[in-house]
Amino acid sequence: MTDMMQPSVDVEQLSLRDYAEKAYLDYSMYVILDRALPHIGDGLKPVQRRIVYAMSELGLKASAKYKKSARTVGDVIGKFHPHGDQSVYDALVRMAQDFSMSAQLVDGHGNFGSLDADPPAAMRYTECRLRGFAEAMLLADIDADAVDFAETFDGSQTEPSVLPARLPNLLINGSTGIAVGMATSIPPHNMREVAAALKAYASDPENCSLDDVLAVMPAPDFPTGGEIVFPEGGFREMYRTGRGGVTLRGTTSIETVKNGGARGSNREAIVISSIPYQTNKAALCEQIADLVNARAVEGVADVRDESDRDGMRVVIELRRSADAEFVREQLYARPPLQTRVSGNGVGRVGRAPKG
């Protein structure tokens, strides 16, 4: 009986400390470059770029018929994005929400969630296609050899490393992301103001100053509205350094409304018509009610949400003896009606993070 030949195995001795350090650095760079940070060229994270490109390849233009979201998600994870389908669908849903993005990239048909944090319907029920804005801004020059293409994860085809954006989408729609050791939080801006700032810079790039840009683009602009409380000196330091924040409060008015009681008398009320960015409307109503019950806010008789398809309307009915301005200042003095939105301008330039 002959001995079976055993294959030779090369064993490399490694320090656990050195191996763990290298593995963690590789992981952190992957998260930074391929998951969490947007590219400054098109303002998109890799999953968002792959969704837009896959929809373009599927022929889901703004003039085309809607197709099931599951079809888009399947193409993205099968061809470009080797991750879970739910993470892809979550990114697609956000690009279709008018309360999440200033200029939506996806035209959604069906239940794509709400300001009350209601979840979207499953991807097998919703439908989608690209919006005309996404086509014109991100895809118009995709066949003009304007950007580099790289191999996909399995090498079976290629995908764009960045889309040929005609406008700075990173400013228009903003971006948030948490990587390893760094994070980004870029607030959205008004598209017309961004275009005006781009025009001012393009007309005289050598002499265009930050103050020239801020003359036409003075502050962020949020899709849910709200009022920005300007600090002394404006937001010059935030744009100069890339770090800072915005104090944002809901838009309110004082109205006379009919009391919901049996007598049906009139009462003063504070009516909220817009709320701070990324604030849950249902949670806002609950938190205001909690503040009233805890007597942290005095003078409120009732809080009710009268929002409908025509717009937002949260009514805070006051007691007869209450001073409406005083109650409003009490509400502004604490979240969630007034919050601070932080800004941290970090993005990808090529294959490197830069702030």
Protein backbone atom coordinates (compact mmCIF):
# COMPACT_ATOMS: atom_id res chain seq x y z
CA MET A 1 0.00 0.00 0.00
CA THR A 2 1.55 3.28 -1.13
CA ASP A 3 1.34 6.53 0.77
CA MET A 4 -0.86 9.16 -0.83
CA MET A 5 0.94 12.25 -1.94
CA GLN A 6 0.09 15.21 0.28
CA PRO A 7 0.01 18.65 -1.40
CA SER A 8 2.62 21.03 -0.13
CA VAL A 9 1.31 24.06 1.74
CA ASP A 10 3.25 27.27 2.15
CA VAL A 11 2.66 28.73 5.61
CA GLU A 12 3.46 32.39 6.10
CA GLN A 13 4.10 33.58 9.62
CA LEU A 14 2.36 36.91 10.28
CA SER A 15 2.07 39.10 13.29
CA LEU A 16 -1.59 39.28 14.34
CA ARG A 17 -1.12 42.98 15.07
CA ASP A 18 0.25 43.70 11.58
CA TYR A 19 -2.43 41.61 9.87
CA ALA A 20 -5.28 43.19 11.84
CA GLU A 21 -3.93 46.67 11.11
CA LYS A 22 -3.67 45.99 7.35
CA ALA A 23 -7.11 44.34 7.20
CA TYR A 24 -8.75 47.21 9.06
CA LEU A 25 -7.09 49.81 6.84
CA ASP A 26 -8.26 47.94 3.72
CA TYR A 27 -11.78 47.77 5.13
CA SER A 28 -11.85 51.44 6.10
CA MET A 29 -10.66 52.58 2.68
CA TYR A 30 -13.34 50.42 1.04
CA VAL A 31 -16.06 51.97 3.19
CA ILE A 32 -14.73 55.48 2.57
CA LEU A 33 -14.36 55.19 -1.20
CA ASP A 34 -16.98 52.63 -2.23
CA ARG A 35 -19.83 53.07 0.20
CA ALA A 36 -20.14 56.25 2.27
CA LEU A 37 -18.64 59.26 0.51
CA PRO A 38 -20.04 60.97 -2.61
CA HIS A 39 -17.87 61.83 -5.59
CA ILE A 40 -17.59 65.60 -6.07
CA GLY A 41 -17.93 65.11 -9.83
CA ASP A 42 -21.55 63.94 -9.80
CA GLY A 43 -22.44 64.21 -6.11
CA LEU A 44 -23.40 60.52 -5.96
CA LYS A 45 -22.35 57.59 -3.84
CA PRO A 46 -21.49 54.40 -5.77
CA VAL A 47 -24.89 52.77 -5.14
CA GLN A 48 -26.74 55.89 -6.34
CA ARG A 49 -24.58 56.13 -9.46
CA ARG A 50 -25.17 52.47 -10.25
CA ILE A 51 -28.93 52.87 -9.86
CA VAL A 52 -29.04 55.85 -12.25
CA TYR A 53 -26.78 54.10 -14.78
CA ALA A 54 -28.68 50.81 -14.56
CA MET A 55 -31.98 52.62 -15.14
CA SER A 56 -30.46 54.34 -18.15
CA GLU A 57 -29.28 50.99 -19.53
CA LEU A 58 -32.75 49.54 -18.98
CA GLY A 59 -34.24 52.37 -21.04
CA LEU A 60 -36.15 53.81 -18.08
CA LYS A 61 -36.01 57.37 -19.40
CA ALA A 62 -38.44 60.05 -18.30
CA SER A 63 -40.54 59.44 -21.42
CA ALA A 64 -40.65 55.65 -20.95
CA LYS A 65 -43.25 53.62 -19.12
CA TYR A 66 -42.72 52.85 -15.46
CA LYS A 67 -41.20 49.47 -14.59
CA LYS A 68 -41.21 47.58 -11.32
CA SER A 69 -38.58 48.79 -8.87
CA ALA A 70 -37.60 45.16 -8.36
CA ARG A 71 -36.42 45.07 -11.98
CA THR A 72 -34.04 47.97 -11.41
CA VAL A 73 -32.81 46.56 -8.09
CA GLY A 74 -32.20 43.17 -9.70
CA ASP A 75 -30.11 44.70 -12.48
CA VAL A 76 -28.09 46.77 -10.01
CA ILE A 77 -27.15 43.89 -7.72
CA GLY A 78 -26.68 41.47 -10.62
CA LYS A 79 -24.42 43.66 -12.73
CA PHE A 80 -22.89 46.43 -10.64
CA HIS A 81 -23.42 46.34 -6.87
CA PRO A 82 -22.52 43.13 -5.01
CA HIS A 83 -24.57 43.89 -1.89
CA GLY A 84 -28.03 43.28 -0.49
CA ASP A 85 -31.12 44.21 -2.44
CA GLN A 86 -32.65 46.15 0.47
CA SER A 87 -29.77 48.63 0.65
CA VAL A 88 -30.16 49.29 -3.09
CA TYR A 89 -33.92 49.75 -2.79
CA ASP A 90 -33.50 52.11 0.18
CA ALA A 91 -31.18 54.29 -1.93
CA LEU A 92 -33.60 54.22 -4.86
CA VAL A 93 -36.52 55.20 -2.62
CA ARG A 94 -34.64 58.18 -1.20
CA MET A 95 -33.87 59.47 -4.69
CA ALA A 96 -37.62 59.49 -5.41
CA GLN A 97 -38.71 61.34 -2.24
CA ASP A 98 -39.47 65.04 -2.66
CA PHE A 99 -38.89 65.57 1.08
CA SER A 100 -35.40 64.00 0.95
CA MET A 101 -33.92 65.53 -2.21
CA SER A 102 -34.22 69.04 -3.60
CA ALA A 103 -34.22 67.68 -7.15
CA GLN A 104 -35.31 64.04 -7.27
CA LEU A 105 -33.42 61.81 -9.66
CA VAL A 106 -36.03 59.04 -9.75
CA ASP A 107 -39.71 59.35 -10.67
CA GLY A 108 -41.50 56.97 -8.33
CA HIS A 109 -44.97 55.54 -8.88
CA GLY A 110 -46.62 54.08 -5.80
CA ASN A 111 -45.97 54.34 -2.08
CA PHE A 112 -42.45 55.67 -1.53
CA GLY A 113 -42.89 56.63 2.13
CA SER A 114 -43.85 59.88 3.80
CA LEU A 115 -42.71 62.62 6.18
CA ASP A 116 -44.28 60.62 9.00
CA ALA A 117 -41.61 57.93 8.43
CA ASP A 118 -44.17 55.55 6.94
CA PRO A 119 -42.16 52.83 5.17
CA PRO A 120 -42.35 52.52 1.38
CA ALA A 121 -44.15 49.61 -0.20
CA ALA A 122 -42.08 46.57 -1.14
CA MET A 123 -40.10 46.83 -4.36
CA ARG A 124 -42.40 44.34 -6.08
CA TYR A 125 -45.27 46.83 -5.74
CA THR A 126 -43.65 50.16 -6.63
CA GLU A 127 -42.56 51.34 -10.07
CA CYS A 128 -39.96 53.82 -11.19
CA ARG A 129 -38.23 55.60 -14.04
CA LEU A 130 -35.67 58.38 -14.32
CA ARG A 131 -36.69 62.00 -14.04
CA GLY A 132 -35.92 64.39 -16.87
CA PHE A 133 -33.63 66.33 -14.52
CA ALA A 134 -31.43 63.26 -13.97
CA GLU A 135 -31.19 62.62 -17.70
CA ALA A 136 -30.29 66.21 -18.56
CA MET A 137 -27.85 66.76 -15.69
CA LEU A 138 -26.15 63.37 -15.27
CA LEU A 139 -26.54 61.30 -18.43
CA ALA A 140 -26.66 63.62 -21.45
CA ASP A 141 -22.94 63.13 -22.26
CA ILE A 142 -22.55 59.51 -21.11
CA ASP A 143 -21.87 58.31 -24.68
CA ALA A 144 -19.49 61.16 -25.54
CA ASP A 145 -16.39 59.54 -23.96
CA ALA A 146 -16.54 62.22 -21.27
CA VAL A 147 -15.81 59.98 -18.26
CA ASP A 148 -13.73 56.92 -17.46
CA PHE A 149 -15.28 53.46 -17.23
CA ALA A 150 -14.01 50.65 -14.99
CA GLU A 151 -14.69 46.94 -14.77
CA THR A 152 -17.57 45.81 -12.58
CA PHE A 153 -17.01 43.59 -9.54
CA ASP A 154 -16.97 40.38 -11.62
CA GLY A 155 -15.22 41.82 -14.66
CA SER A 156 -18.12 40.94 -16.95
CA GLN A 157 -18.76 44.53 -18.11
CA THR A 158 -17.89 48.14 -17.36
CA GLU A 159 -19.52 50.96 -15.43
CA PRO A 160 -18.79 54.72 -15.22
CA SER A 161 -16.44 55.80 -12.45
CA VAL A 162 -18.36 59.07 -12.30
CA LEU A 163 -21.29 60.43 -14.31
CA PRO A 164 -20.73 63.48 -16.57
CA ALA A 165 -22.68 65.97 -14.46
CA ARG A 166 -23.47 69.35 -16.00
CA LEU A 167 -24.32 70.93 -12.63
CA PRO A 168 -22.79 70.41 -9.15
CA ASN A 169 -25.31 67.86 -7.90
CA LEU A 170 -23.37 67.59 -4.64
CA LEU A 171 -24.56 71.10 -3.74
CA ILE A 172 -28.06 70.77 -5.22
CA ASN A 173 -29.05 67.57 -3.42
CA GLY A 174 -26.44 67.47 -0.68
CA SER A 175 -25.22 64.24 0.87
CA THR A 176 -24.71 62.55 4.23
CA GLY A 177 -22.58 59.55 5.05
CA ILE A 178 -20.59 57.99 7.88
CA ALA A 179 -17.39 56.18 6.98
CA VAL A 180 -14.52 54.92 9.13
CA GLY A 181 -12.79 57.83 10.81
CA MET A 182 -14.61 60.45 8.76
CA ALA A 183 -18.09 61.58 7.79
CA THR A 184 -19.77 63.95 5.38
CA SER A 185 -22.81 66.18 5.78
CA ILE A 186 -23.42 68.57 2.90
CA PRO A 187 -26.77 70.41 3.00
CA PRO A 188 -28.86 70.78 -0.18
CA HIS A 189 -29.12 74.08 -2.07
CA ASN A 190 -31.50 75.81 -4.42
CA MET A 191 -30.82 74.67 -7.99
CA ARG A 192 -31.25 78.13 -9.53
CA GLU A 193 -28.90 79.67 -6.97
CA VAL A 194 -26.31 76.95 -7.59
CA ALA A 195 -26.55 77.57 -11.35
CA ALA A 196 -26.12 81.31 -10.75
CA ALA A 197 -23.05 80.67 -8.58
CA LEU A 198 -21.60 78.39 -11.27
CA LYS A 199 -22.20 81.07 -13.89
CA ALA A 200 -20.52 83.72 -11.71
CA TYR A 201 -17.46 81.50 -11.27
CA ALA A 202 -17.29 80.42 -14.93
CA SER A 203 -17.46 84.01 -16.17
CA ASP A 204 -14.29 85.00 -14.27
CA PRO A 205 -12.67 82.06 -12.44
CA GLU A 206 -9.51 83.92 -11.50
CA ASN A 207 -11.23 86.85 -9.83
CA CYS A 208 -14.41 85.23 -8.55
CA SER A 209 -14.31 85.37 -4.75
CA LEU A 210 -16.30 83.55 -2.10
CA ASP A 211 -18.28 86.72 -1.49
CA ASP A 212 -19.22 86.82 -5.20
CA VAL A 213 -20.55 83.28 -4.92
CA LEU A 214 -22.44 83.99 -1.68
CA ALA A 215 -24.06 87.01 -3.29
CA VAL A 216 -26.12 84.65 -5.46
CA MET A 217 -26.05 81.50 -3.27
CA PRO A 218 -26.28 82.85 0.28
CA ALA A 219 -27.35 79.72 2.19
CA PRO A 220 -28.59 76.14 1.93
CA ASP A 221 -32.16 75.47 0.79
CA PHE A 222 -34.02 72.45 2.16
CA PRO A 223 -36.71 70.42 0.36
CA THR A 224 -39.02 70.48 3.38
CA GLY A 225 -38.84 74.27 3.61
CA GLY A 226 -38.38 75.89 6.98
CA GLU A 227 -36.69 79.14 7.93
CA ILE A 228 -32.94 79.52 8.31
CA VAL A 229 -31.79 81.63 11.23
CA PHE A 230 -28.87 83.59 9.80
CA PRO A 231 -25.92 84.03 12.13
CA GLU A 232 -24.06 87.31 12.36
CA GLY A 233 -21.91 87.57 9.24
CA GLY A 234 -23.96 84.96 7.38
CA PHE A 235 -22.53 81.58 6.45
CA ARG A 236 -19.23 82.79 5.06
CA GLU A 237 -17.11 80.77 7.50
CA MET A 238 -19.06 77.58 6.84
CA TYR A 239 -18.43 77.84 3.09
CA ARG A 240 -14.84 78.97 3.56
CA THR A 241 -13.79 76.13 5.85
CA GLY A 242 -16.29 73.43 4.86
CA ARG A 243 -17.41 73.06 8.47
CA GLY A 244 -20.24 74.71 10.34
CA GLY A 245 -23.96 74.44 10.74
CA VAL A 246 -27.35 75.88 9.98
CA THR A 247 -30.05 76.67 12.53
CA LEU A 248 -33.33 75.66 10.91
CA ARG A 249 -36.81 76.23 12.27
CA GLY A 250 -40.26 75.26 11.06
CA THR A 251 -42.40 77.86 9.29
CA THR A 252 -45.27 78.97 11.50
CA SER A 253 -48.14 81.44 11.42
CA ILE A 254 -50.66 82.56 14.01
CA GLU A 255 -54.26 82.05 12.94
CA THR A 256 -57.74 82.04 14.40
CA VAL A 257 -59.29 78.58 14.16
CA LYS A 258 -62.57 77.05 15.29
CA ASN A 259 -62.28 75.21 18.57
CA GLY A 260 -63.01 71.52 18.27
CA GLY A 261 -65.12 71.55 21.44
CA ALA A 262 -68.91 71.43 21.71
CA ARG A 263 -69.36 75.20 21.63
CA GLY A 264 -67.32 75.62 18.47
CA SER A 265 -65.82 78.95 19.55
CA ASN A 266 -62.77 80.52 17.93
CA ARG A 267 -59.29 80.18 19.37
CA GLU A 268 -55.83 81.39 18.43
CA ALA A 269 -53.54 78.71 17.07
CA ILE A 270 -49.97 78.32 15.86
CA VAL A 271 -50.06 76.62 12.46
CA ILE A 272 -46.90 74.83 11.25
CA SER A 273 -46.68 74.71 7.43
CA SER A 274 -43.14 73.35 7.09
CA ILE A 275 -40.72 71.53 9.38
CA PRO A 276 -36.93 71.23 9.66
CA TYR A 277 -35.12 68.95 7.22
CA GLN A 278 -35.16 65.21 8.04
CA THR A 279 -37.67 65.72 10.85
CA ASN A 280 -40.39 63.13 11.33
CA LYS A 281 -43.72 65.01 11.30
CA ALA A 282 -45.58 62.44 13.39
CA ALA A 283 -42.76 62.38 15.93
CA LEU A 284 -42.75 66.19 16.00
CA CYS A 285 -46.44 66.24 16.95
CA GLU A 286 -45.83 63.64 19.66
CA GLN A 287 -42.85 65.52 21.08
CA ILE A 288 -44.78 68.79 21.22
CA ALA A 289 -47.61 66.96 23.03
CA ASP A 290 -45.06 65.48 25.46
CA LEU A 291 -43.64 68.95 26.16
CA VAL A 292 -47.15 70.22 26.87
CA ASN A 293 -47.96 67.30 29.16
CA ALA A 294 -44.68 67.81 31.01
CA ARG A 295 -45.53 71.53 31.32
CA ALA A 296 -42.31 72.47 29.59
CA VAL A 297 -44.48 74.48 27.17
CA GLU A 298 -47.40 76.39 28.67
CA GLY A 299 -50.59 77.62 27.06
CA VAL A 300 -51.36 74.78 24.58
CA ALA A 301 -54.83 73.21 24.54
CA ASP A 302 -54.52 70.75 21.65
CA VAL A 303 -52.11 69.52 18.96
CA ARG A 304 -53.48 67.97 15.78
CA ASP A 305 -52.18 67.13 12.32
CA GLU A 306 -54.46 68.41 9.56
CA SER A 307 -52.01 67.74 6.71
CA ASP A 308 -53.40 66.43 3.43
CA ARG A 309 -52.34 66.10 -0.19
CA ASP A 310 -52.48 69.88 -0.56
CA GLY A 311 -49.73 70.47 1.99
CA MET A 312 -48.62 70.35 5.58
CA ARG A 313 -50.74 71.81 8.36
CA VAL A 314 -50.05 71.05 12.02
CA VAL A 315 -52.37 73.05 14.30
CA ILE A 316 -51.32 73.88 17.86
CA GLU A 317 -54.48 75.24 19.45
CA LEU A 318 -53.90 77.65 22.33
CA ARG A 319 -55.73 78.29 25.57
CA ARG A 320 -57.72 81.48 25.82
CA SER A 321 -55.27 83.09 28.23
CA ALA A 322 -52.16 82.14 26.23
CA ASP A 323 -49.90 84.61 24.44
CA ALA A 324 -49.33 83.15 20.95
CA GLU A 325 -45.92 84.79 20.44
CA PHE A 326 -44.69 83.59 23.82
CA VAL A 327 -45.82 80.00 23.11
CA ARG A 328 -44.13 80.10 19.70
CA GLU A 329 -40.86 81.24 21.29
CA GLN A 330 -41.14 78.39 23.80
CA LEU A 331 -41.45 75.93 20.92
CA TYR A 332 -38.52 77.46 19.04
CA ALA A 333 -36.36 77.28 22.15
CA ARG A 334 -36.12 73.47 21.90
CA PRO A 335 -36.21 70.68 19.32
CA PRO A 336 -37.89 69.48 17.21
CA LEU A 337 -39.41 72.69 15.83
CA GLN A 338 -35.96 74.28 15.74
CA THR A 339 -32.87 72.18 15.06
CA ARG A 340 -29.29 72.57 13.94
CA VAL A 341 -28.19 70.97 10.67
CA SER A 342 -24.44 70.38 10.68
CA GLY A 343 -22.25 70.86 7.64
CA ASN A 344 -19.04 68.92 6.99
CA GLY A 345 -17.80 69.18 3.41
CA VAL A 346 -15.99 65.90 2.74
CA GLY A 347 -16.15 64.10 -0.60
CA ARG A 348 -14.20 61.91 -3.01
CA VAL A 349 -11.80 63.49 -5.46
CA GLY A 350 -10.71 60.66 -7.74
CA ARG A 351 -9.83 57.80 -5.37
CA ALA A 352 -9.06 59.94 -2.35
CA PRO A 353 -11.23 61.61 0.31
CA LYS A 354 -10.84 65.35 0.58
CA GLY A 355 -12.40 67.97 2.81
